């Protein structure tokens, strides 16, 4: 078992082998589970960073940039599927 020091702000750096084992990176969540006997477990969080996971989902699927004018025109016409 390896030992790591807590800095003056209460932080530690997760070593690369721990991050790789958990499959986590910048913006991901980590969960801590503590037991009454002083032991603890570290695991990947249930929810990952949603912003990063959605980046690029719509890339190449639009015909142009959205503008406020286009958006206002679309809203003023109403939803075509509701007519």
C-alpha atoms as a PDB file:
ATOM      1  CA  UNK A   1       0.000   0.000   0.000  1.00  0.00           C
ATOM      2  CA  UNK A   2       1.333   3.437  -0.904  1.00  0.00           C
ATOM      3  CA  UNK A   3       1.028   6.470   1.356  1.00  0.00           C
ATOM      4  CA  UNK A   4       0.414  10.046   0.189  1.00  0.00           C
ATOM      5  CA  UNK A   5       0.523  13.306   2.125  1.00  0.00           C
ATOM      6  CA  UNK A   6      -2.336  15.735   2.494  1.00  0.00           C
ATOM      7  CA  UNK A   7      -1.307  19.321   1.739  1.00  0.00           C
ATOM      8  CA  UNK A   8      -2.068  22.368   3.898  1.00  0.00           C
ATOM      9  CA  UNK A   9      -5.394  22.871   2.098  1.00  0.00           C
ATOM     10  CA  UNK A  10      -6.533  19.292   2.752  1.00  0.00           C
ATOM     11  CA  UNK A  11      -5.868  18.087  -0.804  1.00  0.00           C
ATOM     12  CA  UNK A  12      -4.068  15.130  -2.299  1.00  0.00           C
ATOM     13  CA  UNK A  13      -3.141  14.417  -5.894  1.00  0.00           C
ATOM     14  CA  UNK A  14      -4.568  11.196  -7.251  1.00  0.00           C
ATOM     15  CA  UNK A  15      -1.676   9.276  -8.766  1.00  0.00           C
ATOM     16  CA  UNK A  16      -1.856   8.413 -12.440  1.00  0.00           C
ATOM     17  CA  UNK A  17      -2.317   4.686 -11.776  1.00  0.00           C
ATOM     18  CA  UNK A  18      -5.354   5.449  -9.543  1.00  0.00           C
ATOM     19  CA  UNK A  19      -6.923   7.785 -12.139  1.00  0.00           C
ATOM     20  CA  UNK A  20      -6.371   5.185 -14.874  1.00  0.00           C
ATOM     21  CA  UNK A  21      -7.777   2.375 -12.723  1.00  0.00           C
ATOM     22  CA  UNK A  22     -10.914   4.401 -11.955  1.00  0.00           C
ATOM     23  CA  UNK A  23     -11.165   5.742 -15.508  1.00  0.00           C
ATOM     24  CA  UNK A  24     -11.449   9.350 -14.352  1.00  0.00           C
ATOM     25  CA  UNK A  25     -10.069  12.604 -15.684  1.00  0.00           C
ATOM     26  CA  UNK A  26     -10.529  16.348 -15.302  1.00  0.00           C
ATOM     27  CA  UNK A  27     -14.132  17.243 -14.451  1.00  0.00           C
ATOM     28  CA  UNK A  28     -15.179  13.699 -13.483  1.00  0.00           C
ATOM     29  CA  UNK A  29     -16.729  12.914 -10.104  1.00  0.00           C
ATOM     30  CA  UNK A  30     -15.156  10.812  -7.380  1.00  0.00           C
ATOM     31  CA  UNK A  31     -17.109   9.214  -4.529  1.00  0.00           C
ATOM     32  CA  UNK A  32     -15.762   8.397  -1.084  1.00  0.00           C
ATOM     33  CA  UNK A  33     -17.372   5.762   1.088  1.00  0.00           C
ATOM     34  CA  UNK A  34     -16.307   5.750   4.732  1.00  0.00           C
ATOM     35  CA  UNK A  35     -16.865   3.019   7.303  1.00  0.00           C
ATOM     36  CA  UNK A  36     -16.979   3.278  11.073  1.00  0.00           C
ATOM     37  CA  UNK A  37     -13.740   1.292  11.458  1.00  0.00           C
ATOM     38  CA  UNK A  38     -11.688   4.117   9.904  1.00  0.00           C
ATOM     39  CA  UNK A  39     -11.417   2.606   6.417  1.00  0.00           C
ATOM     40  CA  UNK A  40     -12.568   4.221   3.255  1.00  0.00           C
ATOM     41  CA  UNK A  41     -13.154   3.437  -0.389  1.00  0.00           C
ATOM     42  CA  UNK A  42     -12.606   5.630  -3.419  1.00  0.00           C
ATOM     43  CA  UNK A  43     -14.645   5.060  -6.588  1.00  0.00           C
ATOM     44  CA  UNK A  44     -15.675   6.740  -9.801  1.00  0.00           C
ATOM     45  CA  UNK A  45     -18.751   8.921  -9.331  1.00  0.00           C
ATOM     46  CA  UNK A  46     -22.080   7.893 -10.789  1.00  0.00           C
ATOM     47  CA  UNK A  47     -22.391  11.076 -12.821  1.00  0.00           C
ATOM     48  CA  UNK A  48     -19.615  12.372 -15.011  1.00  0.00           C
ATOM     49  CA  UNK A  49     -19.167  15.895 -16.240  1.00  0.00           C
ATOM     50  CA  UNK A  50     -22.209  16.320 -18.507  1.00  0.00           C
ATOM     51  CA  UNK A  51     -20.803  19.322 -20.331  1.00  0.00           C
ATOM     52  CA  UNK A  52     -17.720  17.410 -21.472  1.00  0.00           C
ATOM     53  CA  UNK A  53     -19.735  14.323 -22.362  1.00  0.00           C
ATOM     54  CA  UNK A  54     -21.995  16.357 -24.678  1.00  0.00           C
ATOM     55  CA  UNK A  55     -19.299  18.300 -26.490  1.00  0.00           C
ATOM     56  CA  UNK A  56     -19.416  17.579 -30.189  1.00  0.00           C
ATOM     57  CA  UNK A  57     -22.721  15.680 -30.147  1.00  0.00           C
ATOM     58  CA  UNK A  58     -24.269  18.048 -32.704  1.00  0.00           C
ATOM     59  CA  UNK A  59     -21.100  18.749 -34.659  1.00  0.00           C
ATOM     60  CA  UNK A  60     -21.817  18.752 -38.380  1.00  0.00           C
ATOM     61  CA  UNK A  61     -25.580  18.394 -37.930  1.00  0.00           C
ATOM     62  CA  UNK A  62     -26.579  22.026 -38.359  1.00  0.00           C
ATOM     63  CA  UNK A  63     -26.865  24.077 -41.525  1.00  0.00           C
ATOM     64  CA  UNK A  64     -25.681  27.311 -39.970  1.00  0.00           C
ATOM     65  CA  UNK A  65     -25.139  29.231 -36.808  1.00  0.00           C
ATOM     66  CA  UNK A  66     -28.124  30.065 -34.655  1.00  0.00           C
ATOM     67  CA  UNK A  67     -28.839  33.728 -34.085  1.00  0.00           C
ATOM     68  CA  UNK A  68     -31.316  35.517 -31.876  1.00  0.00           C
ATOM     69  CA  UNK A  69     -33.154  36.806 -34.963  1.00  0.00           C
ATOM     70  CA  UNK A  70     -33.569  33.277 -36.355  1.00  0.00           C
ATOM     71  CA  UNK A  71     -34.667  32.026 -32.957  1.00  0.00           C
ATOM     72  CA  UNK A  72     -37.228  34.819 -32.531  1.00  0.00           C
ATOM     73  CA  UNK A  73     -38.648  34.147 -36.024  1.00  0.00           C
ATOM     74  CA  UNK A  74     -38.965  30.456 -35.268  1.00  0.00           C
ATOM     75  CA  UNK A  75     -40.761  31.126 -31.991  1.00  0.00           C
ATOM     76  CA  UNK A  76     -43.116  33.666 -33.568  1.00  0.00           C
ATOM     77  CA  UNK A  77     -44.186  31.113 -36.214  1.00  0.00           C
ATOM     78  CA  UNK A  78     -44.985  28.516 -33.574  1.00  0.00           C
ATOM     79  CA  UNK A  79     -44.157  24.834 -33.644  1.00  0.00           C
ATOM     80  CA  UNK A  80     -45.011  23.260 -37.013  1.00  0.00           C
ATOM     81  CA  UNK A  81     -45.732  19.900 -35.399  1.00  0.00           C
ATOM     82  CA  UNK A  82     -48.514  21.439 -33.266  1.00  0.00           C
ATOM     83  CA  UNK A  83     -50.596  22.866 -36.156  1.00  0.00           C
END
